[in-house]
Amino acid sequence: MANAIKNMVITAHPDDETLFFGGTILSRPDEEWTVICLTDGNADGRGDERMAELEEACELLGVESVIKAGFKDTYNENLDQRLLKKFFSTLPVPDQIFTHGPLGEYGHPHHIQTSYAVHSFFTEVSIWHPAINCFASKREVLTKEQYNRKLEILAKVYDQELIRFSRFIHFPSEELYTQSSLAEVESLAHYLLSKEVNEPKNLDNYLGFKDHLSLFRSSIYDRAF
């Protein structure tokens, strides 16, 4: 790996960087940020357009470096863990990483696979993920200006996507994060994405959500939007 950098955001698709981490990036304008988008964003045939949107959004967020990995964005096709880790080996070492959570936020399989790959490869790096359906141990409270700026970027850059997902995702004025152990992330990834129905183990952050996991699992491959 190359020389260390400060903050790295690793997401599955264009718009994830603004949706889940945009306020945090805006609240730390003096820090170095690198955004990595793993897929080509071409699930609906808008790949080139979405890559351009990613560049524009990151420029508006003040991100210095954008890296596009180019993995195929097909909802029902898994991201290859071996190839993801091979790609990660080419990246600089960050001080901390912000990435998807083990539930994939709203259950997107690419988010879940990204979370698992990041946690299993970057074992010596501090990793934060959105605290959705679990207790938050870190809160980034946005100013009114930062919050409005985040929503402005979403509306200006990702308007076509926003029309589809705005009913499914809330836009709070703070971004909540937590850290999960590799054992918990691995167990949830296996439970949610495998055909086997073994009860997930090693739960900590998601212990309180345990009774809801089977219902959550049943809709993983039903694309919400």
C-alpha atoms as a PDB file:
ATOM      1  CA  MET A   1       0.000   0.000   0.000  1.00  0.00           C
ATOM      2  CA  ALA A   2       0.962   3.626  -0.537  1.00  0.00           C
ATOM      3  CA  ASN A   3       1.420   6.392   2.016  1.00  0.00           C
ATOM      4  CA  ALA A   4      -1.277   7.027   4.610  1.00  0.00           C
ATOM      5  CA  ILE A   5      -4.113   9.517   4.148  1.00  0.00           C
ATOM      6  CA  LYS A   6      -6.580  10.961   6.642  1.00  0.00           C
ATOM      7  CA  ASN A   7     -10.188  10.049   5.793  1.00  0.00           C
ATOM      8  CA  MET A   8     -11.420   7.502   3.271  1.00  0.00           C
ATOM      9  CA  VAL A   9     -15.051   6.977   2.270  1.00  0.00           C
ATOM     10  CA  ILE A  10     -15.739   3.643   0.539  1.00  0.00           C
ATOM     11  CA  THR A  11     -19.180   3.292  -1.018  1.00  0.00           C
ATOM     12  CA  ALA A  12     -20.905   0.978  -3.442  1.00  0.00           C
ATOM     13  CA  HIS A  13     -22.590   3.562  -5.682  1.00  0.00           C
ATOM     14  CA  PRO A  14     -22.649   7.225  -6.682  1.00  0.00           C
ATOM     15  CA  ASP A  15     -24.865   9.198  -4.240  1.00  0.00           C
ATOM     16  CA  ASP A  16     -23.972   6.987  -1.230  1.00  0.00           C
ATOM     17  CA  GLU A  17     -21.104   9.351  -0.391  1.00  0.00           C
ATOM     18  CA  THR A  18     -23.502  12.302  -0.064  1.00  0.00           C
ATOM     19  CA  LEU A  19     -26.469  10.449   1.432  1.00  0.00           C
ATOM     20  CA  PHE A  20     -24.644   8.819   4.315  1.00  0.00           C
ATOM     21  CA  PHE A  21     -21.427  10.833   4.747  1.00  0.00           C
ATOM     22  CA  GLY A  22     -21.939  14.188   3.017  1.00  0.00           C
ATOM     23  CA  GLY A  23     -22.656  16.149   6.172  1.00  0.00           C
ATOM     24  CA  THR A  24     -19.581  14.741   7.908  1.00  0.00           C
ATOM     25  CA  ILE A  25     -17.397  15.684   4.948  1.00  0.00           C
ATOM     26  CA  LEU A  26     -18.884  19.188   4.863  1.00  0.00           C
ATOM     27  CA  SER A  27     -18.361  19.603   8.610  1.00  0.00           C
ATOM     28  CA  ARG A  28     -14.608  18.935   8.266  1.00  0.00           C
ATOM     29  CA  PRO A  29     -13.502  21.148   5.384  1.00  0.00           C
ATOM     30  CA  ASP A  30      -9.907  21.357   6.610  1.00  0.00           C
ATOM     31  CA  GLU A  31      -9.383  17.592   6.541  1.00  0.00           C
ATOM     32  CA  GLU A  32      -8.274  15.486   3.584  1.00  0.00           C
ATOM     33  CA  TRP A  33     -10.960  13.250   2.081  1.00  0.00           C
ATOM     34  CA  THR A  34     -10.754  10.463  -0.489  1.00  0.00           C
ATOM     35  CA  VAL A  35     -13.984   8.987  -1.859  1.00  0.00           C
ATOM     36  CA  ILE A  36     -13.934   5.554  -3.465  1.00  0.00           C
ATOM     37  CA  CYS A  37     -16.925   4.327  -5.462  1.00  0.00           C
ATOM     38  CA  LEU A  38     -16.735   0.597  -6.078  1.00  0.00           C
ATOM     39  CA  THR A  39     -19.314   0.126  -8.857  1.00  0.00           C
ATOM     40  CA  ASP A  40     -19.837   1.751 -12.239  1.00  0.00           C
ATOM     41  CA  GLY A  41     -23.346   2.884 -11.242  1.00  0.00           C
ATOM     42  CA  ASN A  42     -24.787   1.358 -14.403  1.00  0.00           C
ATOM     43  CA  ALA A  43     -27.666  -0.614 -12.867  1.00  0.00           C
ATOM     44  CA  ASP A  44     -30.191   1.391 -14.904  1.00  0.00           C
ATOM     45  CA  GLY A  45     -27.998   2.132 -17.922  1.00  0.00           C
ATOM     46  CA  ARG A  46     -26.877   5.553 -16.656  1.00  0.00           C
ATOM     47  CA  GLY A  47     -23.326   4.596 -15.744  1.00  0.00           C
ATOM     48  CA  ASP A  48     -21.457   7.401 -17.514  1.00  0.00           C
ATOM     49  CA  GLU A  49     -23.962   9.985 -16.295  1.00  0.00           C
ATOM     50  CA  ARG A  50     -23.782   8.742 -12.729  1.00  0.00           C
ATOM     51  CA  MET A  51     -19.988   8.776 -12.744  1.00  0.00           C
ATOM     52  CA  ALA A  52     -20.162  12.416 -13.839  1.00  0.00           C
ATOM     53  CA  GLU A  53     -22.631  13.081 -11.023  1.00  0.00           C
ATOM     54  CA  LEU A  54     -20.202  11.508  -8.565  1.00  0.00           C
ATOM     55  CA  GLU A  55     -17.429  13.837  -9.702  1.00  0.00           C
ATOM     56  CA  GLU A  56     -19.701  16.875  -9.418  1.00  0.00           C
ATOM     57  CA  ALA A  57     -21.008  15.929  -5.985  1.00  0.00           C
ATOM     58  CA  CYS A  58     -17.509  15.332  -4.626  1.00  0.00           C
ATOM     59  CA  GLU A  59     -16.327  18.668  -5.999  1.00  0.00           C
ATOM     60  CA  LEU A  60     -19.217  20.408  -4.234  1.00  0.00           C
ATOM     61  CA  LEU A  61     -18.423  18.502  -1.028  1.00  0.00           C
ATOM     62  CA  GLY A  62     -14.804  19.630  -1.221  1.00  0.00           C
ATOM     63  CA  VAL A  63     -13.394  16.129  -1.699  1.00  0.00           C
ATOM     64  CA  GLU A  64      -9.842  16.201  -3.046  1.00  0.00           C
ATOM     65  CA  SER A  65      -9.607  12.695  -4.488  1.00  0.00           C
ATOM     66  CA  VAL A  66     -12.197  10.468  -6.176  1.00  0.00           C
ATOM     67  CA  ILE A  67     -11.354   6.886  -7.147  1.00  0.00           C
ATOM     68  CA  LYS A  68     -13.675   4.819  -9.364  1.00  0.00           C
ATOM     69  CA  ALA A  69     -13.140   1.072  -9.085  1.00  0.00           C
ATOM     70  CA  GLY A  70     -15.537   0.203 -11.923  1.00  0.00           C
ATOM     71  CA  PHE A  71     -17.065  -3.029 -10.615  1.00  0.00           C
ATOM     72  CA  LYS A  72     -20.269  -4.014 -12.409  1.00  0.00           C
ATOM     73  CA  ASP A  73     -23.412  -2.565 -10.823  1.00  0.00           C
ATOM     74  CA  THR A  74     -26.049  -5.265 -11.184  1.00  0.00           C
ATOM     75  CA  TYR A  75     -28.432  -5.468  -8.217  1.00  0.00           C
ATOM     76  CA  ASN A  76     -28.778  -9.252  -8.068  1.00  0.00           C
ATOM     77  CA  GLU A  77     -25.127 -10.023  -8.807  1.00  0.00           C
ATOM     78  CA  ASN A  78     -22.679 -10.131  -5.917  1.00  0.00           C
ATOM     79  CA  LEU A  79     -19.539  -8.046  -5.724  1.00  0.00           C
ATOM     80  CA  ASP A  80     -16.644 -10.511  -5.764  1.00  0.00           C
ATOM     81  CA  GLN A  81     -14.960 -10.398  -2.330  1.00  0.00           C
ATOM     82  CA  ARG A  82     -11.634 -11.628  -3.698  1.00  0.00           C
ATOM     83  CA  LEU A  83     -11.522  -8.931  -6.380  1.00  0.00           C
ATOM     84  CA  LEU A  84     -12.609  -6.248  -3.925  1.00  0.00           C
ATOM     85  CA  LYS A  85      -9.754  -7.126  -1.592  1.00  0.00           C
ATOM     86  CA  LYS A  86      -7.300  -7.205  -4.481  1.00  0.00           C
ATOM     87  CA  PHE A  87      -8.435  -3.693  -5.366  1.00  0.00           C
ATOM     88  CA  PHE A  88      -8.133  -2.556  -1.736  1.00  0.00           C
ATOM     89  CA  SER A  89      -4.500  -3.684  -1.727  1.00  0.00           C
ATOM     90  CA  THR A  90      -3.747  -0.934  -4.280  1.00  0.00           C
ATOM     91  CA  LEU A  91      -5.127   1.852  -2.079  1.00  0.00           C
ATOM     92  CA  PRO A  92      -3.315   4.153   0.337  1.00  0.00           C
ATOM     93  CA  VAL A  93      -3.754   3.353   4.031  1.00  0.00           C
ATOM     94  CA  PRO A  94      -6.244   5.747   5.669  1.00  0.00           C
ATOM     95  CA  ASP A  95      -6.364   6.834   9.284  1.00  0.00           C
ATOM     96  CA  GLN A  96     -10.066   6.023   9.303  1.00  0.00           C
ATOM     97  CA  ILE A  97     -12.712   4.714   6.933  1.00  0.00           C
ATOM     98  CA  PHE A  98     -16.378   5.553   6.582  1.00  0.00           C
ATOM     99  CA  THR A  99     -18.339   2.838   4.763  1.00  0.00           C
ATOM    100  CA  HIS A 100     -21.612   0.929   4.643  1.00  0.00           C
ATOM    101  CA  GLY A 101     -23.006  -0.930   7.620  1.00  0.00           C
ATOM    102  CA  PRO A 102     -23.552  -4.704   7.888  1.00  0.00           C
ATOM    103  CA  LEU A 103     -27.286  -4.330   7.186  1.00  0.00           C
ATOM    104  CA  GLY A 104     -26.585  -2.345   4.040  1.00  0.00           C
ATOM    105  CA  GLU A 105     -28.619   0.590   5.431  1.00  0.00           C
ATOM    106  CA  TYR A 106     -31.911  -0.376   3.737  1.00  0.00           C
ATOM    107  CA  GLY A 107     -30.709  -3.875   2.785  1.00  0.00           C
ATOM    108  CA  HIS A 108     -28.882  -3.288  -0.503  1.00  0.00           C
ATOM    109  CA  PRO A 109     -26.759  -6.412  -1.124  1.00  0.00           C
ATOM    110  CA  HIS A 110     -23.886  -4.364  -2.589  1.00  0.00           C
ATOM    111  CA  HIS A 111     -23.786  -2.271   0.584  1.00  0.00           C
ATOM    112  CA  ILE A 112     -23.638  -5.417   2.706  1.00  0.00           C
ATOM    113  CA  GLN A 113     -20.890  -6.903   0.536  1.00  0.00           C
ATOM    114  CA  THR A 114     -18.924  -3.648   0.625  1.00  0.00           C
ATOM    115  CA  SER A 115     -19.166  -3.514   4.409  1.00  0.00           C
ATOM    116  CA  TYR A 116     -17.928  -7.084   4.742  1.00  0.00           C
ATOM    117  CA  ALA A 117     -15.034  -6.591   2.318  1.00  0.00           C
ATOM    118  CA  VAL A 118     -13.877  -3.369   3.985  1.00  0.00           C
ATOM    119  CA  HIS A 119     -14.061  -4.759   7.512  1.00  0.00           C
ATOM    120  CA  SER A 120     -12.296  -7.984   6.596  1.00  0.00           C
ATOM    121  CA  PHE A 121      -9.467  -6.276   4.682  1.00  0.00           C
ATOM    122  CA  PHE A 122      -8.747  -3.137   6.719  1.00  0.00           C
ATOM    123  CA  THR A 123      -8.430  -4.900  10.064  1.00  0.00           C
ATOM    124  CA  GLU A 124      -5.976  -2.360  11.506  1.00  0.00           C
ATOM    125  CA  VAL A 125      -7.957   0.756  10.520  1.00  0.00           C
ATOM    126  CA  SER A 126     -10.707   2.501  12.471  1.00  0.00           C
ATOM    127  CA  ILE A 127     -13.930   1.879  10.515  1.00  0.00           C
ATOM    128  CA  TRP A 128     -17.184   3.796  11.010  1.00  0.00           C
ATOM    129  CA  HIS A 129     -20.519   2.960   9.439  1.00  0.00           C
ATOM    130  CA  PRO A 130     -24.030   4.472   9.611  1.00  0.00           C
ATOM    131  CA  ALA A 131     -25.825   3.534  12.815  1.00  0.00           C
ATOM    132  CA  ILE A 132     -29.139   2.453  11.317  1.00  0.00           C
ATOM    133  CA  ASN A 133     -31.237   0.036  13.405  1.00  0.00           C
ATOM    134  CA  CYS A 134     -28.578   0.109  16.117  1.00  0.00           C
ATOM    135  CA  PHE A 135     -27.262   2.424  18.834  1.00  0.00           C
ATOM    136  CA  ALA A 136     -25.008   5.252  17.658  1.00  0.00           C
ATOM    137  CA  SER A 137     -21.663   5.725  19.393  1.00  0.00           C
ATOM    138  CA  LYS A 138     -20.647   8.734  17.269  1.00  0.00           C
ATOM    139  CA  ARG A 139     -22.746  11.730  16.259  1.00  0.00           C
ATOM    140  CA  GLU A 140     -21.879  14.332  13.664  1.00  0.00           C
ATOM    141  CA  VAL A 141     -24.317  17.171  14.345  1.00  0.00           C
ATOM    142  CA  LEU A 142     -24.596  19.422  11.312  1.00  0.00           C
ATOM    143  CA  THR A 143     -25.052  23.144  11.323  1.00  0.00           C
ATOM    144  CA  LYS A 144     -28.082  24.454   9.497  1.00  0.00           C
ATOM    145  CA  GLU A 145     -25.800  25.633   6.706  1.00  0.00           C
ATOM    146  CA  GLN A 146     -24.120  22.227   6.375  1.00  0.00           C
ATOM    147  CA  TYR A 147     -27.444  20.414   6.435  1.00  0.00           C
ATOM    148  CA  ASN A 148     -28.969  22.654   3.781  1.00  0.00           C
ATOM    149  CA  ARG A 149     -25.836  22.315   1.665  1.00  0.00           C
ATOM    150  CA  LYS A 150     -26.033  18.511   1.805  1.00  0.00           C
ATOM    151  CA  LEU A 151     -29.673  18.523   0.673  1.00  0.00           C
ATOM    152  CA  GLU A 152     -28.844  21.078  -2.015  1.00  0.00           C
ATOM    153  CA  ILE A 153     -26.151  18.766  -3.453  1.00  0.00           C
ATOM    154  CA  LEU A 154     -28.523  15.802  -3.428  1.00  0.00           C
ATOM    155  CA  ALA A 155     -31.230  17.798  -5.192  1.00  0.00           C
ATOM    156  CA  LYS A 156     -28.881  19.461  -7.676  1.00  0.00           C
ATOM    157  CA  VAL A 157     -26.702  16.503  -8.613  1.00  0.00           C
ATOM    158  CA  TYR A 158     -28.719  13.384  -7.849  1.00  0.00           C
ATOM    159  CA  ASP A 159     -32.208  14.619  -8.706  1.00  0.00           C
ATOM    160  CA  GLN A 160     -33.122  11.570 -10.815  1.00  0.00           C
ATOM    161  CA  GLU A 161     -32.139   9.189  -8.027  1.00  0.00           C
ATOM    162  CA  LEU A 162     -33.718  11.401  -5.358  1.00  0.00           C
ATOM    163  CA  ILE A 163     -37.111  11.130  -7.019  1.00  0.00           C
ATOM    164  CA  ARG A 164     -36.937   7.360  -6.583  1.00  0.00           C
ATOM    165  CA  PHE A 165     -35.435   6.938  -3.123  1.00  0.00           C
ATOM    166  CA  SER A 166     -36.604   9.995  -1.154  1.00  0.00           C
ATOM    167  CA  ARG A 167     -39.617   8.049   0.166  1.00  0.00           C
ATOM    168  CA  PHE A 168     -37.360   5.339   1.578  1.00  0.00           C
ATOM    169  CA  ILE A 169     -34.532   7.346   3.144  1.00  0.00           C
ATOM    170  CA  HIS A 170     -34.785  10.103   5.723  1.00  0.00           C
ATOM    171  CA  PHE A 171     -32.501  13.131   5.802  1.00  0.00           C
ATOM    172  CA  PRO A 172     -31.778  13.921   9.479  1.00  0.00           C
ATOM    173  CA  SER A 173     -29.721  16.916  10.572  1.00  0.00           C
ATOM    174  CA  GLU A 174     -27.090  14.672  12.141  1.00  0.00           C
ATOM    175  CA  GLU A 175     -25.165  11.695  10.816  1.00  0.00           C
ATOM    176  CA  LEU A 176     -24.964   8.778  13.234  1.00  0.00           C
ATOM    177  CA  TYR A 177     -22.186   6.190  13.224  1.00  0.00           C
ATOM    178  CA  THR A 178     -20.945   3.197  15.104  1.00  0.00           C
ATOM    179  CA  GLN A 179     -18.235   0.541  14.827  1.00  0.00           C
ATOM    180  CA  SER A 180     -18.905  -3.180  14.465  1.00  0.00           C
ATOM    181  CA  SER A 181     -16.553  -6.093  14.992  1.00  0.00           C
ATOM    182  CA  LEU A 182     -15.496  -8.174  12.017  1.00  0.00           C
ATOM    183  CA  ALA A 183     -17.193 -11.173  13.630  1.00  0.00           C
ATOM    184  CA  GLU A 184     -20.531  -9.330  13.754  1.00  0.00           C
ATOM    185  CA  VAL A 185     -20.198  -8.001  10.206  1.00  0.00           C
ATOM    186  CA  GLU A 186     -19.253 -11.438   8.873  1.00  0.00           C
ATOM    187  CA  SER A 187     -22.100 -13.181  10.692  1.00  0.00           C
ATOM    188  CA  LEU A 188     -24.692 -10.716   9.407  1.00  0.00           C
ATOM    189  CA  ALA A 189     -23.372 -10.836   5.842  1.00  0.00           C
ATOM    190  CA  HIS A 190     -23.580 -14.620   5.847  1.00  0.00           C
ATOM    191  CA  TYR A 191     -27.069 -14.636   7.359  1.00  0.00           C
ATOM    192  CA  LEU A 192     -28.495 -11.957   5.063  1.00  0.00           C
ATOM    193  CA  LEU A 193     -26.962 -13.090   1.773  1.00  0.00           C
ATOM    194  CA  SER A 194     -26.557 -16.856   2.114  1.00  0.00           C
ATOM    195  CA  LYS A 195     -29.212 -19.426   1.230  1.00  0.00           C
ATOM    196  CA  GLU A 196     -28.548 -21.033   4.590  1.00  0.00           C
ATOM    197  CA  VAL A 197     -30.737 -19.829   7.425  1.00  0.00           C
ATOM    198  CA  ASN A 198     -28.385 -20.212  10.357  1.00  0.00           C
ATOM    199  CA  GLU A 199     -29.085 -17.843  13.219  1.00  0.00           C
ATOM    200  CA  PRO A 200     -26.560 -14.974  13.232  1.00  0.00           C
ATOM    201  CA  LYS A 201     -24.011 -15.063  16.039  1.00  0.00           C
ATOM    202  CA  ASN A 202     -21.589 -12.583  17.623  1.00  0.00           C
ATOM    203  CA  LEU A 203     -24.231  -9.840  17.652  1.00  0.00           C
ATOM    204  CA  ASP A 204     -23.490  -6.736  19.687  1.00  0.00           C
ATOM    205  CA  ASN A 205     -24.667  -3.578  17.945  1.00  0.00           C
ATOM    206  CA  TYR A 206     -27.548  -5.461  16.345  1.00  0.00           C
ATOM    207  CA  LEU A 207     -28.549  -7.651  19.268  1.00  0.00           C
ATOM    208  CA  GLY A 208     -31.654  -5.538  19.860  1.00  0.00           C
ATOM    209  CA  PHE A 209     -32.585  -5.851  16.185  1.00  0.00           C
ATOM    210  CA  LYS A 210     -32.207  -9.631  16.197  1.00  0.00           C
ATOM    211  CA  ASP A 211     -35.933 -10.404  16.211  1.00  0.00           C
ATOM    212  CA  HIS A 212     -36.397  -8.263  13.089  1.00  0.00           C
ATOM    213  CA  LEU A 213     -33.598  -9.801  11.035  1.00  0.00           C
ATOM    214  CA  SER A 214     -35.626 -12.601   9.453  1.00  0.00           C
ATOM    215  CA  LEU A 215     -38.145 -10.123   8.020  1.00  0.00           C
ATOM    216  CA  PHE A 216     -35.313  -7.841   6.935  1.00  0.00           C
ATOM    217  CA  ARG A 217     -33.580 -10.789   5.247  1.00  0.00           C
ATOM    218  CA  SER A 218     -36.688 -11.787   3.269  1.00  0.00           C
ATOM    219  CA  SER A 219     -36.643  -8.595   1.200  1.00  0.00           C
ATOM    220  CA  ILE A 220     -32.907  -8.224   0.539  1.00  0.00           C
ATOM    221  CA  TYR A 221     -33.102  -9.047  -3.158  1.00  0.00           C
ATOM    222  CA  ASP A 222     -36.345  -7.147  -3.764  1.00  0.00           C
ATOM    223  CA  ARG A 223     -35.072  -3.856  -5.138  1.00  0.00           C
ATOM    224  CA  ALA A 224     -36.822  -1.052  -3.284  1.00  0.00           C
ATOM    225  CA  PHE A 225     -36.392   1.582  -6.008  1.00  0.00           C
END
